[in-house]
Amino acid sequence: MRLPPMFDVPGSSIYDARRNPHVRNGTIIDLGSFGDETNTTQLQTMTNNLTHMYRQMITNAPCPLLFFGKPYRLGTAPKPGAGTIENIPHTPVHIWTGTVLGSKLENGDTSFGENMGNFYSAGLDPVFYCHHGNVDRMWNEWKQIGGKRRDLTDKDWLNSEFFFYDENRNPWRVRVRDCLDSKKMGYDYAPMPTPWRNFKPTRKTTTGKVNTGSLPPVSQVFPLAKLDKAISFSINRPDSSRTQKEKNEQEEILTFNVVKYDDREYIRFDVFLNADKTVNANELDKVEFSGSYTSLPHVHANHNSSSEGISFQLAITELLEDNGLEDEKTIAVTVVPKAGGETISIEGAEIKLVAC
């Protein structure tokens, strides 16, 4: 959970003076980072990290549809919906490592979140390449968990092509299908402990079921012009009268539709089931914690804002069971903004059954 010390040697080829100073000297990485320091102990930060990894790799990614994200075909909107690993741990490591927006750099310039902290400049920090190598390793780890966790079979995806140049500057075409097995490409990842696999939250914040009758229904909360404070609402679940076979083949998905925000800002909000606005959003190792949405700035802060509507999905079947809500027709949902809430608008929220 630390940046390897080899990146922390001033003057070396892999040192970057634009990194946030707080990532140095063995500081624990914070996968809950949203541009500011989180007010938690080191132990709680580590615990939150393990919870994030369990939720992203297991709870919220039971099948390819959720791990990889929605199809991005010709004619699709630019942000159809990212997969779990793209959201976390990928984006928070960028946020945690990059300089803080608006801070002063050593040369006196104002930071726009460089280098790792902004989409347009991330590749200027050498740690970018190790970070993305680790994201690839997470892909391998996810498939080894088993169940429905396997690569997509969609031909559009398998046959997607990318052009690069080889060591002799000759163009080289690579298809996605050529990159699914690292061993065939001549390398593999060393076995490492994965403590997050067994870090399923078991502690509860709420005893029993939150009184949904005391909360406004989802139809009265959305559309929401800005997420500037924590919100709680009740929401109906789909008809639960399904056969066991149908239950095995379907996942209950909580979706926030058409989420828009300012792409010059760090964006983050956390989602909890069976909790109200009194939930402690700094302690994520609870069965009520469902997941988080994060986004990295994509342009300079002095550019005009641009934001495409995206959908944010959370698989909640496991959480319903852990919270004893399998037989409830209506459940409570709480959303807690962490960063950029003033710019976040959400059109609606719904729960659907999705073939998974």
Protein backbone atom coordinates (compact mmCIF):
# COMPACT_ATOMS: atom_id res chain seq x y z
CA MET A 1 0.00 0.00 0.00
CA ARG A 2 2.98 2.31 -0.44
CA LEU A 3 4.69 3.90 -3.41
CA PRO A 4 7.85 1.78 -3.91
CA PRO A 5 10.88 3.60 -2.45
CA MET A 6 12.71 3.49 -5.80
CA PHE A 7 10.36 6.29 -6.96
CA ASP A 8 11.36 8.47 -4.03
CA VAL A 9 14.97 9.26 -4.95
CA PRO A 10 15.44 12.88 -6.11
CA GLY A 11 17.46 13.14 -9.30
CA SER A 12 16.69 9.60 -10.47
CA SER A 13 15.04 8.99 -13.84
CA ILE A 14 11.83 7.81 -12.17
CA TYR A 15 11.50 10.69 -9.71
CA ASP A 16 8.89 13.36 -10.45
CA ALA A 17 9.06 16.69 -8.61
CA ARG A 18 5.39 17.32 -9.47
CA ARG A 19 4.14 14.44 -7.31
CA ASN A 20 2.23 15.44 -4.23
CA PRO A 21 4.78 15.59 -1.39
CA HIS A 22 2.48 13.55 0.87
CA VAL A 23 3.10 10.38 -1.19
CA ARG A 24 6.75 10.22 -0.15
CA ASN A 25 8.55 8.51 2.73
CA GLY A 26 6.43 5.38 2.79
CA THR A 27 3.04 7.05 3.22
CA ILE A 28 0.10 4.63 3.00
CA ILE A 29 -1.82 4.98 -0.28
CA ASP A 30 -5.38 6.16 0.21
CA LEU A 31 -7.86 4.60 -2.23
CA GLY A 32 -10.44 6.94 -0.72
CA SER A 33 -8.45 9.98 -1.85
CA PHE A 34 -10.42 12.86 -3.32
CA GLY A 35 -7.75 15.57 -3.57
CA ASP A 36 -7.63 16.40 0.14
CA GLU A 37 -6.29 14.49 3.11
CA THR A 38 -8.89 12.15 4.61
CA ASN A 39 -9.45 12.43 8.34
CA THR A 40 -8.71 8.85 9.35
CA THR A 41 -6.01 6.94 11.19
CA GLN A 42 -3.40 4.98 9.27
CA LEU A 43 -5.02 1.72 10.37
CA GLN A 44 -8.45 2.90 9.19
CA THR A 45 -6.97 3.99 5.84
CA MET A 46 -5.48 0.52 5.35
CA THR A 47 -8.78 -1.08 6.37
CA ASN A 48 -10.69 1.16 3.96
CA ASN A 49 -8.25 0.22 1.18
CA LEU A 50 -8.88 -3.49 1.70
CA THR A 51 -12.63 -2.86 1.76
CA HIS A 52 -12.44 -0.91 -1.50
CA MET A 53 -10.54 -3.74 -3.16
CA TYR A 54 -13.00 -6.38 -1.95
CA ARG A 55 -15.97 -4.36 -3.16
CA GLN A 56 -14.42 -3.54 -6.55
CA MET A 57 -12.96 -6.96 -7.33
CA ILE A 58 -15.62 -9.22 -5.82
CA THR A 59 -18.90 -7.60 -4.71
CA ASN A 60 -19.30 -5.15 -7.59
CA ALA A 61 -17.58 -7.23 -10.26
CA PRO A 62 -19.27 -10.66 -10.31
CA CYS A 63 -19.24 -10.79 -14.13
CA PRO A 64 -17.56 -9.20 -17.19
CA LEU A 65 -20.38 -6.70 -17.74
CA LEU A 66 -19.49 -4.95 -14.49
CA PHE A 67 -15.73 -5.46 -14.35
CA PHE A 68 -15.05 -4.19 -17.88
CA GLY A 69 -17.85 -1.64 -18.13
CA LYS A 70 -20.36 -0.98 -20.88
CA PRO A 71 -19.54 -1.54 -24.57
CA TYR A 72 -17.87 1.39 -26.30
CA ARG A 73 -18.83 0.94 -29.95
CA LEU A 74 -18.84 3.35 -32.89
CA GLY A 75 -21.55 5.92 -32.25
CA THR A 76 -21.58 5.38 -28.48
CA ALA A 77 -21.42 8.39 -26.17
CA PRO A 78 -17.84 9.09 -24.98
CA LYS A 79 -18.51 7.76 -21.47
CA PRO A 80 -20.90 4.80 -21.66
CA GLY A 81 -19.96 3.65 -18.16
CA ALA A 82 -16.61 2.48 -16.81
CA GLY A 83 -15.90 -0.86 -15.17
CA THR A 84 -15.17 -1.34 -11.50
CA ILE A 85 -11.38 -1.41 -11.64
CA GLU A 86 -11.26 1.73 -13.79
CA ASN A 87 -13.17 3.53 -11.07
CA ILE A 88 -11.23 2.12 -8.08
CA PRO A 89 -8.32 1.47 -7.56
CA HIS A 90 -7.24 3.05 -10.86
CA THR A 91 -8.48 6.63 -10.50
CA PRO A 92 -7.78 7.21 -6.75
CA VAL A 93 -4.11 6.30 -7.22
CA HIS A 94 -3.91 9.05 -9.85
CA ILE A 95 -5.60 11.51 -7.49
CA TRP A 96 -3.46 10.49 -4.52
CA THR A 97 -0.17 10.70 -6.45
CA GLY A 98 -0.74 13.89 -8.46
CA THR A 99 -0.28 17.40 -7.13
CA VAL A 100 -3.34 19.06 -5.64
CA LEU A 101 -5.33 21.35 -7.93
CA GLY A 102 -4.50 25.00 -7.32
CA SER A 103 -1.36 24.33 -5.25
CA LYS A 104 1.97 26.04 -5.96
CA LEU A 105 4.75 24.07 -7.62
CA GLU A 106 8.45 24.43 -6.81
CA ASN A 107 8.93 26.78 -9.79
CA GLY A 108 6.08 29.03 -8.66
CA ASP A 109 3.52 27.83 -11.22
CA THR A 110 -0.01 26.95 -10.21
CA SER A 111 -0.74 23.22 -10.35
CA PHE A 112 -3.57 21.84 -12.46
CA GLY A 113 -3.20 18.48 -10.77
CA GLU A 114 -0.07 17.43 -12.63
CA ASN A 115 1.25 14.99 -13.36
CA MET A 116 -0.59 11.85 -12.29
CA GLY A 117 -3.41 14.02 -11.01
CA ASN A 118 -4.79 14.99 -14.41
CA PHE A 119 -5.76 12.95 -17.46
CA TYR A 120 -3.82 15.08 -19.95
CA SER A 121 -0.50 14.88 -18.09
CA ALA A 122 -0.50 11.53 -16.26
CA GLY A 123 2.02 9.85 -18.57
CA LEU A 124 4.68 12.42 -17.66
CA ASP A 125 5.21 10.70 -14.30
CA PRO A 126 7.12 7.40 -14.65
CA VAL A 127 4.99 5.84 -11.90
CA PHE A 128 2.10 5.97 -14.40
CA TYR A 129 3.47 2.92 -16.25
CA CYS A 130 3.97 0.81 -13.14
CA HIS A 131 0.51 1.82 -11.94
CA HIS A 132 -1.09 0.67 -15.19
CA GLY A 133 1.00 -2.49 -15.15
CA ASN A 134 -0.55 -3.19 -11.76
CA VAL A 135 -4.04 -2.53 -13.14
CA ASP A 136 -3.29 -5.23 -15.74
CA ARG A 137 -2.20 -7.52 -12.91
CA MET A 138 -5.56 -6.90 -11.21
CA TRP A 139 -7.22 -8.15 -14.41
CA ASN A 140 -5.37 -11.45 -13.98
CA GLU A 141 -6.23 -11.56 -10.27
CA TRP A 142 -9.91 -10.97 -11.01
CA LYS A 143 -10.08 -13.90 -13.44
CA GLN A 144 -8.45 -16.20 -10.89
CA ILE A 145 -11.25 -15.58 -8.37
CA GLY A 146 -13.50 -17.77 -10.54
CA GLY A 147 -17.24 -17.91 -10.98
CA LYS A 148 -18.35 -15.82 -13.94
CA ARG A 149 -15.17 -13.75 -13.83
CA ARG A 150 -13.74 -14.32 -17.28
CA ASP A 151 -12.87 -12.35 -20.39
CA LEU A 152 -15.52 -11.05 -22.75
CA THR A 153 -16.38 -13.04 -25.86
CA ASP A 154 -17.81 -10.10 -27.82
CA LYS A 155 -16.19 -10.13 -31.28
CA ASP A 156 -16.18 -6.33 -31.51
CA TRP A 157 -14.02 -6.26 -28.40
CA LEU A 158 -11.78 -9.19 -29.31
CA ASN A 159 -11.11 -7.79 -32.81
CA SER A 160 -10.53 -4.17 -31.77
CA GLU A 161 -7.20 -3.03 -33.21
CA PHE A 162 -4.52 -0.64 -32.02
CA PHE A 163 -1.43 0.48 -33.95
CA PHE A 164 1.96 0.96 -32.34
CA TYR A 165 5.57 1.13 -33.52
CA ASP A 166 8.15 -1.54 -32.78
CA GLU A 167 11.77 -0.98 -31.75
CA ASN A 168 12.67 -0.37 -35.43
CA ARG A 169 9.91 2.24 -35.86
CA ASN A 170 7.84 -0.08 -38.01
CA PRO A 171 4.05 0.06 -37.53
CA TRP A 172 2.66 -2.90 -35.61
CA ARG A 173 -0.97 -3.89 -35.27
CA VAL A 174 -2.25 -5.43 -32.05
CA ARG A 175 -5.70 -6.85 -31.43
CA VAL A 176 -7.31 -7.19 -28.03
CA ARG A 177 -7.54 -10.96 -28.51
CA ASP A 178 -3.73 -11.04 -28.74
CA CYS A 179 -3.34 -9.56 -25.25
CA LEU A 180 -5.56 -11.73 -23.05
CA ASP A 181 -2.83 -14.09 -21.85
CA SER A 182 0.33 -12.38 -20.63
CA LYS A 183 2.26 -15.65 -20.75
CA LYS A 184 1.78 -15.80 -24.53
CA MET A 185 3.29 -12.31 -24.67
CA GLY A 186 6.36 -13.52 -22.80
CA TYR A 187 5.77 -12.44 -19.22
CA ASP A 188 3.82 -13.27 -16.09
CA TYR A 189 3.19 -11.66 -12.71
CA ALA A 190 4.95 -12.93 -9.62
CA PRO A 191 2.59 -14.49 -7.06
CA MET A 192 1.75 -12.03 -4.30
CA PRO A 193 -0.55 -12.04 -1.26
CA THR A 194 -4.04 -10.69 -1.90
CA PRO A 195 -5.42 -9.96 1.58
CA TRP A 196 -8.44 -8.14 0.13
CA ARG A 197 -9.87 -11.45 -1.12
CA ASN A 198 -10.86 -12.41 2.42
CA PHE A 199 -11.74 -8.92 3.61
CA LYS A 200 -15.49 -9.13 3.27
CA PRO A 201 -17.02 -6.55 5.65
CA THR A 202 -18.93 -8.11 8.52
CA ARG A 203 -19.47 -5.19 10.90
CA LYS A 204 -22.83 -3.44 10.80
CA THR A 205 -23.59 0.20 11.45
CA THR A 206 -27.34 -0.33 11.57
CA THR A 207 -29.18 -2.85 13.71
CA GLY A 208 -32.05 -4.25 11.68
CA LYS A 209 -33.61 -2.34 8.81
CA VAL A 210 -33.67 1.42 8.36
CA ASN A 211 -37.20 2.81 8.48
CA THR A 212 -37.73 3.57 4.80
CA GLY A 213 -41.04 5.20 5.64
CA SER A 214 -39.12 8.09 7.21
CA LEU A 215 -37.19 8.75 3.99
CA PRO A 216 -38.38 10.50 0.83
CA PRO A 217 -38.94 8.16 -2.13
CA VAL A 218 -36.46 8.25 -4.98
CA SER A 219 -38.99 10.09 -7.17
CA GLN A 220 -38.95 13.06 -4.78
CA VAL A 221 -35.16 13.30 -4.59
CA PHE A 222 -34.30 13.13 -8.27
CA PRO A 223 -33.55 14.84 -10.54
CA LEU A 224 -30.93 16.39 -8.28
CA ALA A 225 -29.38 19.68 -9.40
CA LYS A 226 -26.31 19.35 -7.17
CA LEU A 227 -24.93 16.87 -4.67
CA ASP A 228 -23.74 19.41 -2.12
CA LYS A 229 -24.75 17.38 0.95
CA ALA A 230 -25.50 13.79 1.93
CA ILE A 231 -28.87 12.55 0.69
CA SER A 232 -30.98 9.57 1.76
CA PHE A 233 -33.96 8.09 -0.06
CA SER A 234 -36.05 4.95 -0.28
CA ILE A 235 -36.13 2.95 -3.49
CA ASN A 236 -38.18 -0.03 -4.63
CA ARG A 237 -36.56 -3.26 -5.72
CA PRO A 238 -37.67 -5.30 -8.75
CA ASP A 239 -40.09 -8.20 -8.29
CA SER A 240 -38.20 -10.81 -6.27
CA SER A 241 -40.41 -13.77 -7.29
CA ARG A 242 -37.73 -15.50 -9.34
CA THR A 243 -36.63 -19.09 -9.65
CA GLN A 244 -33.27 -20.11 -8.21
CA LYS A 245 -31.91 -20.44 -11.75
CA GLU A 246 -32.97 -16.87 -12.53
CA LYS A 247 -31.38 -15.64 -9.31
CA ASN A 248 -28.11 -17.35 -10.24
CA GLU A 249 -28.11 -15.74 -13.68
CA GLN A 250 -29.19 -12.24 -12.70
CA GLU A 251 -27.62 -9.50 -10.63
CA GLU A 252 -29.47 -6.72 -8.88
CA ILE A 253 -27.95 -3.45 -10.01
CA LEU A 254 -28.34 -0.04 -8.41
CA THR A 255 -27.85 2.53 -11.17
CA PHE A 256 -27.44 6.28 -10.93
CA ASN A 257 -28.49 7.62 -14.33
CA VAL A 258 -27.03 10.57 -16.23
CA VAL A 259 -24.52 11.75 -13.67
CA LYS A 260 -22.99 15.03 -14.85
CA TYR A 261 -20.14 17.02 -13.31
CA ASP A 262 -17.39 19.52 -13.99
CA ASP A 263 -14.47 17.64 -15.54
CA ARG A 264 -12.00 20.23 -14.25
CA GLU A 265 -12.60 18.94 -10.72
CA TYR A 266 -11.85 15.85 -8.64
CA ILE A 267 -15.15 14.01 -8.26
CA ARG A 268 -16.07 11.48 -5.61
CA PHE A 269 -19.15 10.26 -3.82
CA ASP A 270 -19.79 7.17 -1.66
CA VAL A 271 -22.93 5.02 -1.60
CA PHE A 272 -24.40 3.09 1.35
CA LEU A 273 -27.34 0.70 1.58
CA ASN A 274 -29.57 0.40 4.64
CA ALA A 275 -28.08 3.59 6.10
CA ASP A 276 -29.21 7.17 6.62
CA LYS A 277 -27.31 10.45 6.68
CA THR A 278 -25.85 9.69 10.11
CA VAL A 279 -23.56 7.03 8.58
CA ASN A 280 -19.83 7.45 9.26
CA ALA A 281 -18.52 7.83 5.71
CA ASN A 282 -14.88 7.62 6.85
CA GLU A 283 -15.23 4.03 8.05
CA LEU A 284 -15.92 1.92 4.97
CA ASP A 285 -15.35 -1.55 6.44
CA LYS A 286 -19.08 -2.00 7.06
CA VAL A 287 -21.67 -4.17 5.32
CA GLU A 288 -23.65 -1.04 4.42
CA PHE A 289 -20.88 0.40 2.22
CA SER A 290 -21.72 -0.31 -1.41
CA GLY A 291 -19.08 1.53 -3.43
CA SER A 292 -17.78 4.86 -4.70
CA TYR A 293 -17.69 6.89 -7.88
CA THR A 294 -14.50 8.79 -8.74
CA SER A 295 -13.30 10.90 -11.65
CA LEU A 296 -10.03 12.58 -12.54
CA PRO A 297 -9.79 16.13 -13.96
CA HIS A 298 -9.35 16.01 -17.73
CA VAL A 299 -8.43 19.60 -18.60
CA HIS A 300 -6.74 22.70 -17.20
CA ALA A 301 -8.74 24.42 -14.52
CA ASN A 302 -8.97 27.58 -16.68
CA HIS A 303 -10.63 25.71 -19.56
CA ASN A 304 -14.37 25.61 -20.04
CA SER A 305 -16.12 22.80 -18.21
CA SER A 306 -17.29 19.84 -20.24
CA SER A 307 -19.24 16.88 -18.96
CA GLU A 308 -20.97 14.00 -20.66
CA GLY A 309 -23.72 12.22 -18.77
CA ILE A 310 -22.57 8.85 -17.45
CA SER A 311 -24.28 6.04 -15.61
CA PHE A 312 -22.81 4.60 -12.44
CA GLN A 313 -23.64 0.98 -11.58
CA LEU A 314 -23.28 -0.95 -8.33
CA ALA A 315 -23.98 -4.67 -7.94
CA ILE A 316 -25.93 -5.04 -4.71
CA THR A 317 -27.02 -8.70 -4.55
CA GLU A 318 -24.33 -9.59 -2.01
CA LEU A 319 -25.05 -6.48 0.07
CA LEU A 320 -28.77 -7.23 0.20
CA GLU A 321 -27.97 -10.64 1.67
CA ASP A 322 -25.38 -9.30 4.13
CA ASN A 323 -27.80 -6.64 5.35
CA GLY A 324 -30.72 -9.05 5.63
CA LEU A 325 -32.71 -7.24 2.96
CA GLU A 326 -33.33 -10.10 0.51
CA ASP A 327 -37.06 -10.11 1.18
CA GLU A 328 -37.58 -6.36 1.47
CA LYS A 329 -39.47 -4.60 -1.32
CA THR A 330 -38.06 -1.18 -0.43
CA ILE A 331 -34.57 -0.30 0.80
CA ALA A 332 -32.75 2.80 2.01
CA VAL A 333 -29.86 4.35 0.06
CA THR A 334 -27.55 7.15 1.20
CA VAL A 335 -25.14 9.06 -1.02
CA VAL A 336 -22.31 11.06 0.57
CA PRO A 337 -20.37 13.60 -1.55
CA LYS A 338 -16.62 13.77 -0.91
CA ALA A 339 -15.39 16.06 -3.71
CA GLY A 340 -16.93 18.15 -6.49
CA GLY A 341 -20.44 17.80 -5.11
CA GLU A 342 -21.39 21.36 -6.05
CA THR A 343 -20.90 20.41 -9.72
CA ILE A 344 -22.55 16.96 -9.62
CA SER A 345 -26.09 16.55 -10.91
CA ILE A 346 -27.96 13.23 -11.08
CA GLU A 347 -31.05 12.65 -13.17
CA GLY A 348 -32.31 9.57 -11.36
CA ALA A 349 -31.66 6.26 -9.64
CA GLU A 350 -33.20 2.81 -10.12
CA ILE A 351 -32.65 -0.86 -9.31
CA LYS A 352 -32.82 -3.37 -12.14
CA LEU A 353 -32.26 -7.07 -12.66
CA VAL A 354 -29.48 -7.61 -15.20
CA ALA A 355 -28.39 -10.83 -16.85
CA CYS A 356 -24.88 -11.36 -15.58
